[in-house]
Amino acid sequence: MIKLIVLDVDGTLTNGQITYTNSGDELKSFDVADGLAIATWTKKLDKKAAIITGRTSKIVEQRAKDLKITHLYQGVHNKDEILENILKEENISWHEVAVIGDDLNDYKMLKKAGLSFTPANGSKYIKDIVNIKCEAFGGSGAVREMIEYIVKEDGIEEEFINSWL
């Protein structure tokens, strides 16, 4: 049973594009369907979620807060090391973790996770090692697809659906 989902941001929670305004502000877009699935995971099912990302952004901090994501780590070079620390803190084993990522900086944690996913637009190198290749692109429902897969496989799909009824 999966107890923790781990999310990359750029290319996974977003489409990977970074837009800057004339004043230098950074813009990112997040998929509302991904958000509802994450909120259901964290708030309704009382499960854990983490964001581990290589970049740093106030926008990501706000998104994590909105979705009640327990662990947020930004500006990370060695993602699997951070994840190892989260697992120790939460007393969770690698086989109880699902990770979604799209590029080489996600490689090591994807290899170690009990269940690994990549969006349809993930790197070829990542597609070669993950358990599940999503049909949806990053920022367009890939995280939703991952969570729906997990709740079905873990036998909590009815609880997931009924949590909003």
N, C-alpha and C. Protein backbone atom coordinates (compact mmCIF):
# COMPACT_ATOMS: atom_id res chain seq x y z
N MET A 1 0.85 -1.19 0.00
CA MET A 1 0.00 0.00 0.00
C MET A 1 0.88 1.25 0.00
N ILE A 2 0.53 2.20 -0.83
CA ILE A 2 1.30 3.44 -0.94
C ILE A 2 0.87 4.40 0.18
N LYS A 3 1.84 4.90 0.92
CA LYS A 3 1.59 5.83 2.01
C LYS A 3 2.03 7.25 1.68
N LEU A 4 2.94 7.39 0.72
CA LEU A 4 3.50 8.69 0.38
C LEU A 4 3.63 8.81 -1.13
N ILE A 5 3.14 9.93 -1.67
CA ILE A 5 3.41 10.24 -3.07
C ILE A 5 4.42 11.38 -3.11
N VAL A 6 5.33 11.28 -4.06
CA VAL A 6 6.38 12.29 -4.22
C VAL A 6 6.26 12.87 -5.62
N LEU A 7 6.22 14.21 -5.66
CA LEU A 7 5.97 14.92 -6.90
C LEU A 7 7.12 15.82 -7.27
N ASP A 8 7.54 15.73 -8.51
CA ASP A 8 8.42 16.73 -9.10
C ASP A 8 7.50 17.87 -9.54
N VAL A 9 8.07 19.03 -9.87
CA VAL A 9 7.22 20.15 -10.26
C VAL A 9 7.30 20.40 -11.76
N ASP A 10 8.39 20.97 -12.25
CA ASP A 10 8.48 21.38 -13.65
C ASP A 10 8.50 20.17 -14.57
N GLY A 11 7.49 20.08 -15.42
CA GLY A 11 7.35 18.95 -16.32
C GLY A 11 6.47 17.85 -15.77
N THR A 12 6.06 17.99 -14.50
CA THR A 12 5.21 16.98 -13.87
C THR A 12 3.93 17.62 -13.34
N LEU A 13 4.07 18.49 -12.34
CA LEU A 13 2.92 19.27 -11.87
C LEU A 13 2.61 20.42 -12.83
N THR A 14 3.60 20.83 -13.61
CA THR A 14 3.41 21.87 -14.63
C THR A 14 3.82 21.29 -15.98
N ASN A 15 3.58 22.06 -17.03
CA ASN A 15 3.96 21.58 -18.36
C ASN A 15 5.45 21.76 -18.65
N GLY A 16 6.17 22.29 -17.69
CA GLY A 16 7.61 22.46 -17.85
C GLY A 16 8.02 23.83 -18.35
N GLN A 17 7.05 24.62 -18.77
CA GLN A 17 7.37 25.96 -19.24
C GLN A 17 7.46 26.92 -18.06
N ILE A 18 8.42 27.83 -18.14
CA ILE A 18 8.56 28.88 -17.14
C ILE A 18 8.42 30.20 -17.87
N THR A 19 7.47 31.01 -17.44
CA THR A 19 7.22 32.30 -18.06
C THR A 19 7.65 33.40 -17.11
N TYR A 20 8.34 34.39 -17.65
CA TYR A 20 8.74 35.54 -16.84
C TYR A 20 8.00 36.77 -17.35
N THR A 21 7.52 37.59 -16.41
CA THR A 21 6.90 38.86 -16.78
C THR A 21 8.00 39.89 -17.02
N ASN A 22 7.62 41.05 -17.55
CA ASN A 22 8.59 42.14 -17.76
C ASN A 22 9.26 42.57 -16.47
N SER A 23 8.55 42.42 -15.36
CA SER A 23 9.13 42.81 -14.07
C SER A 23 9.97 41.69 -13.45
N GLY A 24 10.09 40.57 -14.17
CA GLY A 24 10.94 39.47 -13.69
C GLY A 24 10.23 38.44 -12.84
N ASP A 25 8.92 38.59 -12.65
CA ASP A 25 8.16 37.60 -11.89
C ASP A 25 8.02 36.31 -12.71
N GLU A 26 8.04 35.21 -12.01
CA GLU A 26 7.92 33.89 -12.64
C GLU A 26 6.47 33.44 -12.59
N LEU A 27 6.00 32.83 -13.67
CA LEU A 27 4.65 32.29 -13.73
C LEU A 27 4.69 30.79 -14.01
N LYS A 28 3.83 30.05 -13.34
CA LYS A 28 3.66 28.62 -13.59
C LYS A 28 2.17 28.34 -13.58
N SER A 29 1.75 27.36 -14.34
CA SER A 29 0.34 26.95 -14.34
C SER A 29 0.24 25.52 -13.84
N PHE A 30 -0.76 25.28 -12.99
CA PHE A 30 -1.01 23.97 -12.43
C PHE A 30 -2.38 23.49 -12.88
N ASP A 31 -2.52 22.20 -13.08
CA ASP A 31 -3.78 21.60 -13.53
C ASP A 31 -4.73 21.43 -12.34
N VAL A 32 -5.95 21.89 -12.47
CA VAL A 32 -6.92 21.81 -11.39
C VAL A 32 -7.30 20.35 -11.09
N ALA A 33 -7.31 19.49 -12.09
CA ALA A 33 -7.62 18.07 -11.86
C ALA A 33 -6.53 17.40 -11.03
N ASP A 34 -5.28 17.75 -11.30
CA ASP A 34 -4.18 17.25 -10.46
C ASP A 34 -4.39 17.73 -9.03
N GLY A 35 -4.74 19.00 -8.90
CA GLY A 35 -4.93 19.60 -7.57
C GLY A 35 -6.02 18.92 -6.78
N LEU A 36 -7.15 18.63 -7.42
CA LEU A 36 -8.24 17.96 -6.72
C LEU A 36 -7.83 16.56 -6.27
N ALA A 37 -7.12 15.85 -7.12
CA ALA A 37 -6.66 14.51 -6.75
C ALA A 37 -5.67 14.56 -5.59
N ILE A 38 -4.76 15.52 -5.62
CA ILE A 38 -3.79 15.66 -4.52
C ILE A 38 -4.51 16.04 -3.24
N ALA A 39 -5.44 16.99 -3.32
CA ALA A 39 -6.20 17.40 -2.13
C ALA A 39 -7.00 16.24 -1.56
N THR A 40 -7.55 15.41 -2.42
CA THR A 40 -8.28 14.23 -1.95
C THR A 40 -7.32 13.28 -1.25
N TRP A 41 -6.16 13.07 -1.81
CA TRP A 41 -5.12 12.21 -1.23
C TRP A 41 -4.72 12.71 0.15
N THR A 42 -4.44 14.00 0.26
CA THR A 42 -3.91 14.54 1.53
C THR A 42 -5.00 14.86 2.54
N LYS A 43 -6.07 15.49 2.09
CA LYS A 43 -7.09 15.97 3.03
C LYS A 43 -8.16 14.92 3.34
N LYS A 44 -8.63 14.23 2.32
CA LYS A 44 -9.75 13.29 2.51
C LYS A 44 -9.27 11.89 2.89
N LEU A 45 -8.17 11.45 2.30
CA LEU A 45 -7.66 10.12 2.61
C LEU A 45 -6.59 10.16 3.70
N ASP A 46 -6.19 11.36 4.09
CA ASP A 46 -5.20 11.57 5.15
C ASP A 46 -3.88 10.85 4.86
N LYS A 47 -3.44 10.95 3.61
CA LYS A 47 -2.17 10.36 3.18
C LYS A 47 -1.12 11.46 3.06
N LYS A 48 0.12 11.06 2.94
CA LYS A 48 1.24 12.00 2.87
C LYS A 48 1.62 12.31 1.42
N ALA A 49 2.11 13.53 1.22
CA ALA A 49 2.60 13.94 -0.08
C ALA A 49 3.83 14.80 0.12
N ALA A 50 4.73 14.74 -0.85
CA ALA A 50 5.94 15.54 -0.82
C ALA A 50 6.19 16.12 -2.20
N ILE A 51 6.72 17.32 -2.21
CA ILE A 51 7.25 17.92 -3.43
C ILE A 51 8.74 18.02 -3.24
N ILE A 52 9.48 17.48 -4.20
CA ILE A 52 10.94 17.61 -4.21
C ILE A 52 11.30 18.13 -5.59
N THR A 53 11.83 19.34 -5.65
CA THR A 53 12.08 19.99 -6.93
C THR A 53 13.46 20.64 -6.96
N GLY A 54 14.01 20.70 -8.15
CA GLY A 54 15.34 21.27 -8.34
C GLY A 54 15.35 22.79 -8.33
N ARG A 55 14.22 23.40 -8.67
CA ARG A 55 14.14 24.86 -8.69
C ARG A 55 13.49 25.37 -7.41
N THR A 56 13.57 26.68 -7.20
CA THR A 56 12.95 27.31 -6.04
C THR A 56 11.98 28.37 -6.52
N SER A 57 10.77 28.34 -5.97
CA SER A 57 9.73 29.27 -6.42
C SER A 57 8.70 29.49 -5.32
N LYS A 58 8.32 30.74 -5.10
CA LYS A 58 7.26 31.06 -4.14
C LYS A 58 5.92 30.50 -4.61
N ILE A 59 5.77 30.39 -5.91
CA ILE A 59 4.53 29.83 -6.48
C ILE A 59 4.36 28.38 -6.03
N VAL A 60 5.43 27.62 -6.04
CA VAL A 60 5.38 26.22 -5.61
C VAL A 60 5.09 26.14 -4.12
N GLU A 61 5.67 27.03 -3.36
CA GLU A 61 5.40 27.08 -1.92
C GLU A 61 3.91 27.29 -1.66
N GLN A 62 3.29 28.20 -2.40
CA GLN A 62 1.86 28.47 -2.25
C GLN A 62 1.03 27.26 -2.66
N ARG A 63 1.41 26.62 -3.76
CA ARG A 63 0.66 25.45 -4.23
C ARG A 63 0.72 24.32 -3.21
N ALA A 64 1.88 24.10 -2.64
CA ALA A 64 2.04 23.06 -1.62
C ALA A 64 1.16 23.36 -0.40
N LYS A 65 1.13 24.60 0.00
CA LYS A 65 0.32 25.02 1.14
C LYS A 65 -1.17 24.80 0.84
N ASP A 66 -1.62 25.21 -0.34
CA ASP A 66 -3.02 25.05 -0.73
C ASP A 66 -3.46 23.59 -0.70
N LEU A 67 -2.55 22.70 -1.07
CA LEU A 67 -2.90 21.28 -1.20
C LEU A 67 -2.56 20.46 0.05
N LYS A 68 -2.10 21.12 1.10
CA LYS A 68 -1.74 20.44 2.36
C LYS A 68 -0.65 19.38 2.15
N ILE A 69 0.32 19.75 1.33
CA ILE A 69 1.45 18.86 1.09
C ILE A 69 2.42 19.00 2.27
N THR A 70 2.66 17.89 2.93
CA THR A 70 3.41 17.86 4.18
C THR A 70 4.86 18.26 4.03
N HIS A 71 5.49 17.78 2.98
CA HIS A 71 6.93 17.99 2.80
C HIS A 71 7.19 18.76 1.51
N LEU A 72 7.89 19.88 1.63
CA LEU A 72 8.27 20.68 0.47
C LEU A 72 9.76 20.94 0.54
N TYR A 73 10.47 20.50 -0.50
CA TYR A 73 11.91 20.73 -0.61
C TYR A 73 12.19 21.30 -1.99
N GLN A 74 12.76 22.50 -2.00
CA GLN A 74 13.07 23.19 -3.25
C GLN A 74 14.57 23.41 -3.36
N GLY A 75 15.04 23.60 -4.59
CA GLY A 75 16.46 23.83 -4.83
C GLY A 75 17.30 22.60 -4.52
N VAL A 76 16.73 21.43 -4.76
CA VAL A 76 17.37 20.16 -4.39
C VAL A 76 18.16 19.59 -5.57
N HIS A 77 19.40 19.22 -5.30
CA HIS A 77 20.22 18.57 -6.32
C HIS A 77 20.10 17.04 -6.22
N ASN A 78 20.17 16.52 -5.01
CA ASN A 78 20.15 15.07 -4.79
C ASN A 78 18.80 14.67 -4.19
N LYS A 79 17.82 14.45 -5.04
CA LYS A 79 16.45 14.21 -4.61
C LYS A 79 16.28 12.93 -3.82
N ASP A 80 16.98 11.87 -4.18
CA ASP A 80 16.80 10.61 -3.45
C ASP A 80 17.31 10.71 -2.03
N GLU A 81 18.30 11.54 -1.79
CA GLU A 81 18.82 11.75 -0.43
C GLU A 81 17.76 12.44 0.44
N ILE A 82 17.11 13.46 -0.10
CA ILE A 82 16.03 14.15 0.61
C ILE A 82 14.89 13.17 0.89
N LEU A 83 14.54 12.39 -0.11
CA LEU A 83 13.45 11.42 0.06
C LEU A 83 13.80 10.39 1.12
N GLU A 84 15.03 9.95 1.16
CA GLU A 84 15.48 9.00 2.20
C GLU A 84 15.24 9.59 3.59
N ASN A 85 15.53 10.87 3.77
CA ASN A 85 15.30 11.54 5.06
C ASN A 85 13.81 11.61 5.40
N ILE A 86 12.97 11.89 4.41
CA ILE A 86 11.52 11.92 4.63
C ILE A 86 11.04 10.55 5.08
N LEU A 87 11.52 9.51 4.42
CA LEU A 87 11.10 8.14 4.77
C LEU A 87 11.46 7.80 6.20
N LYS A 88 12.65 8.19 6.62
CA LYS A 88 13.07 7.95 8.02
C LYS A 88 12.17 8.71 8.98
N GLU A 89 11.92 9.98 8.66
CA GLU A 89 11.08 10.82 9.53
C GLU A 89 9.66 10.28 9.64
N GLU A 90 9.10 9.78 8.56
CA GLU A 90 7.72 9.30 8.53
C GLU A 90 7.62 7.79 8.83
N ASN A 91 8.75 7.13 8.99
CA ASN A 91 8.79 5.68 9.22
C ASN A 91 8.06 4.93 8.09
N ILE A 92 8.46 5.27 6.87
CA ILE A 92 7.90 4.67 5.66
C ILE A 92 9.04 4.00 4.89
N SER A 93 8.75 2.86 4.28
CA SER A 93 9.78 2.17 3.50
C SER A 93 9.65 2.55 2.02
N TRP A 94 10.71 2.28 1.26
CA TRP A 94 10.72 2.62 -0.16
C TRP A 94 9.57 1.98 -0.92
N HIS A 95 9.18 0.76 -0.56
CA HIS A 95 8.10 0.10 -1.31
C HIS A 95 6.72 0.71 -1.03
N GLU A 96 6.62 1.62 -0.06
CA GLU A 96 5.37 2.30 0.26
C GLU A 96 5.31 3.70 -0.36
N VAL A 97 6.21 3.96 -1.31
CA VAL A 97 6.34 5.28 -1.93
C VAL A 97 6.07 5.19 -3.42
N ALA A 98 5.31 6.16 -3.93
CA ALA A 98 5.12 6.33 -5.36
C ALA A 98 5.71 7.68 -5.75
N VAL A 99 6.49 7.69 -6.82
CA VAL A 99 7.17 8.90 -7.27
C VAL A 99 6.79 9.17 -8.72
N ILE A 100 6.57 10.45 -9.04
CA ILE A 100 6.40 10.84 -10.43
C ILE A 100 7.43 11.91 -10.76
N GLY A 101 8.13 11.69 -11.86
CA GLY A 101 9.14 12.63 -12.33
C GLY A 101 9.32 12.49 -13.82
N ASP A 102 9.98 13.49 -14.40
CA ASP A 102 10.05 13.51 -15.87
C ASP A 102 11.45 13.58 -16.45
N ASP A 103 12.47 13.78 -15.60
CA ASP A 103 13.79 14.01 -16.19
C ASP A 103 14.90 13.41 -15.35
N LEU A 104 16.11 13.57 -15.82
CA LEU A 104 17.27 12.89 -15.23
C LEU A 104 17.49 13.19 -13.75
N ASN A 105 17.12 14.39 -13.29
CA ASN A 105 17.31 14.69 -11.87
C ASN A 105 16.33 13.92 -10.97
N ASP A 106 15.37 13.22 -11.56
CA ASP A 106 14.43 12.38 -10.82
C ASP A 106 14.84 10.90 -10.86
N TYR A 107 15.81 10.58 -11.67
CA TYR A 107 16.19 9.20 -11.99
C TYR A 107 16.40 8.32 -10.75
N LYS A 108 17.25 8.76 -9.83
CA LYS A 108 17.60 7.90 -8.69
C LYS A 108 16.42 7.62 -7.78
N MET A 109 15.60 8.63 -7.51
CA MET A 109 14.46 8.36 -6.63
C MET A 109 13.40 7.52 -7.34
N LEU A 110 13.25 7.69 -8.65
CA LEU A 110 12.33 6.84 -9.41
C LEU A 110 12.78 5.38 -9.38
N LYS A 111 14.06 5.16 -9.50
CA LYS A 111 14.61 3.79 -9.48
C LYS A 111 14.37 3.10 -8.13
N LYS A 112 14.41 3.87 -7.04
CA LYS A 112 14.29 3.29 -5.69
C LYS A 112 12.85 3.13 -5.22
N ALA A 113 11.93 3.89 -5.80
CA ALA A 113 10.54 3.91 -5.32
C ALA A 113 9.85 2.57 -5.57
N GLY A 114 8.89 2.28 -4.70
CA GLY A 114 8.07 1.08 -4.87
C GLY A 114 7.26 1.13 -6.15
N LEU A 115 6.83 2.32 -6.53
CA LEU A 115 6.03 2.51 -7.73
C LEU A 115 6.48 3.83 -8.36
N SER A 116 6.79 3.80 -9.65
CA SER A 116 7.30 5.01 -10.31
C SER A 116 6.51 5.31 -11.57
N PHE A 117 6.35 6.61 -11.82
CA PHE A 117 5.55 7.12 -12.94
C PHE A 117 6.30 8.23 -13.65
N THR A 118 5.97 8.42 -14.92
CA THR A 118 6.42 9.59 -15.66
C THR A 118 5.29 10.07 -16.56
N PRO A 119 5.19 11.39 -16.75
CA PRO A 119 4.19 11.90 -17.70
C PRO A 119 4.51 11.43 -19.12
N ALA A 120 3.54 11.55 -20.01
CA ALA A 120 3.72 11.15 -21.40
C ALA A 120 4.89 11.88 -22.06
N ASN A 121 5.17 13.09 -21.61
CA ASN A 121 6.27 13.87 -22.19
C ASN A 121 7.56 13.76 -21.37
N GLY A 122 7.67 12.74 -20.54
CA GLY A 122 8.89 12.52 -19.78
C GLY A 122 10.05 12.12 -20.70
N SER A 123 11.25 12.28 -20.20
CA SER A 123 12.45 11.91 -20.94
C SER A 123 12.45 10.43 -21.30
N LYS A 124 13.01 10.10 -22.43
CA LYS A 124 13.15 8.71 -22.86
C LYS A 124 13.89 7.89 -21.80
N TYR A 125 14.90 8.48 -21.18
CA TYR A 125 15.68 7.77 -20.16
C TYR A 125 14.83 7.44 -18.94
N ILE A 126 13.89 8.29 -18.64
CA ILE A 126 13.00 8.05 -17.51
C ILE A 126 11.93 7.03 -17.90
N LYS A 127 11.41 7.14 -19.10
CA LYS A 127 10.40 6.18 -19.57
C LYS A 127 10.95 4.75 -19.54
N ASP A 128 12.27 4.61 -19.75
CA ASP A 128 12.89 3.28 -19.77
C ASP A 128 12.95 2.62 -18.39
N ILE A 129 12.81 3.40 -17.30
CA ILE A 129 13.00 2.82 -15.96
C ILE A 129 11.75 2.80 -15.09
N VAL A 130 10.70 3.57 -15.45
CA VAL A 130 9.53 3.65 -14.57
C VAL A 130 8.60 2.46 -14.74
N ASN A 131 7.76 2.26 -13.73
CA ASN A 131 6.75 1.22 -13.80
C ASN A 131 5.60 1.61 -14.72
N ILE A 132 5.19 2.90 -14.64
CA ILE A 132 4.01 3.36 -15.38
C ILE A 132 4.34 4.61 -16.18
N LYS A 133 4.03 4.56 -17.47
CA LYS A 133 4.13 5.74 -18.34
C LYS A 133 2.72 6.29 -18.49
N CYS A 134 2.49 7.47 -17.94
CA CYS A 134 1.16 8.07 -17.99
C CYS A 134 0.79 8.44 -19.42
N GLU A 135 -0.49 8.44 -19.69
CA GLU A 135 -0.99 8.90 -20.99
C GLU A 135 -1.05 10.43 -21.02
N ALA A 136 -1.25 11.03 -19.85
CA ALA A 136 -1.35 12.49 -19.75
C ALA A 136 0.04 13.13 -19.68
N PHE A 137 0.12 14.35 -20.15
CA PHE A 137 1.35 15.12 -20.10
C PHE A 137 1.49 15.79 -18.73
N GLY A 138 2.70 16.19 -18.40
CA GLY A 138 2.93 16.96 -17.20
C GLY A 138 2.15 18.25 -17.25
N GLY A 139 1.53 18.61 -16.12
CA GLY A 139 0.71 19.82 -16.08
C GLY A 139 -0.64 19.67 -16.72
N SER A 140 -0.94 18.47 -17.19
CA SER A 140 -2.23 18.20 -17.87
C SER A 140 -2.86 16.91 -17.40
N GLY A 141 -2.73 16.62 -16.12
CA GLY A 141 -3.42 15.46 -15.55
C GLY A 141 -2.57 14.24 -15.26
N ALA A 142 -1.26 14.30 -15.46
CA ALA A 142 -0.42 13.13 -15.19
C ALA A 142 -0.44 12.75 -13.71
N VAL A 143 -0.43 13.74 -12.83
CA VAL A 143 -0.45 13.45 -11.39
C VAL A 143 -1.81 12.86 -11.02
N ARG A 144 -2.87 13.36 -11.59
CA ARG A 144 -4.21 12.81 -11.37
C ARG A 144 -4.25 11.34 -11.80
N GLU A 145 -3.68 11.07 -12.96
CA GLU A 145 -3.63 9.70 -13.47
C GLU A 145 -2.86 8.80 -12.51
N MET A 146 -1.75 9.29 -11.98
CA MET A 146 -0.96 8.52 -11.03
C MET A 146 -1.78 8.19 -9.78
N ILE A 147 -2.43 9.18 -9.21
CA ILE A 147 -3.20 8.97 -7.98
C ILE A 147 -4.37 8.03 -8.23
N GLU A 148 -5.05 8.18 -9.34
CA GLU A 148 -6.16 7.27 -9.65
C GLU A 148 -5.67 5.83 -9.81
N TYR A 149 -4.50 5.67 -10.40
CA TYR A 149 -3.91 4.33 -10.52
C TYR A 149 -3.65 3.74 -9.13
N ILE A 150 -3.05 4.53 -8.27
CA ILE A 150 -2.69 4.06 -6.92
C ILE A 150 -3.93 3.68 -6.12
N VAL A 151 -4.95 4.54 -6.10
CA VAL A 151 -6.13 4.22 -5.28
C VAL A 151 -6.84 2.97 -5.80
N LYS A 152 -6.81 2.76 -7.09
CA LYS A 152 -7.41 1.54 -7.64
C LYS A 152 -6.59 0.32 -7.22
N GLU A 153 -5.28 0.38 -7.40
CA GLU A 153 -4.41 -0.76 -7.06
C GLU A 153 -4.42 -1.07 -5.56
N ASP A 154 -4.55 -0.02 -4.73
CA ASP A 154 -4.54 -0.20 -3.28
C ASP A 154 -5.92 -0.51 -2.70
N GLY A 155 -6.93 -0.60 -3.58
CA GLY A 155 -8.27 -0.98 -3.13
C GLY A 155 -9.00 0.11 -2.36
N ILE A 156 -8.64 1.37 -2.59
CA ILE A 156 -9.31 2.48 -1.89
C ILE A 156 -9.99 3.44 -2.87
N GLU A 157 -10.27 2.93 -4.06
CA GLU A 157 -10.89 3.74 -5.09
C GLU A 157 -12.28 4.24 -4.66
N GLU A 158 -13.06 3.37 -4.04
CA GLU A 158 -14.40 3.77 -3.61
C GLU A 158 -14.31 4.88 -2.55
N GLU A 159 -13.39 4.74 -1.63
CA GLU A 159 -13.18 5.77 -0.60
C GLU A 159 -12.76 7.09 -1.24
N PHE A 160 -11.90 7.01 -2.24
CA PHE A 160 -11.43 8.19 -2.97
C PHE A 160 -12.61 8.91 -3.63
N ILE A 161 -13.45 8.16 -4.32
CA ILE A 161 -14.60 8.73 -5.02
C ILE A 161 -15.63 9.27 -4.02
N ASN A 162 -15.94 8.46 -3.01
CA ASN A 162 -17.00 8.83 -2.06
C ASN A 162 -16.60 9.97 -1.14
N SER A 163 -15.35 10.30 -1.08
CA SER A 163 -14.91 11.37 -0.19
C SER A 163 -15.49 12.73 -0.59
N TRP A 164 -15.95 12.86 -1.82
CA TRP A 164 -16.53 14.12 -2.29
C TRP A 164 -18.05 14.05 -2.43
N LEU A 165 -18.63 12.87 -2.20
CA LEU A 165 -20.08 12.73 -2.38
C LEU A 165 -20.86 13.04 -1.11
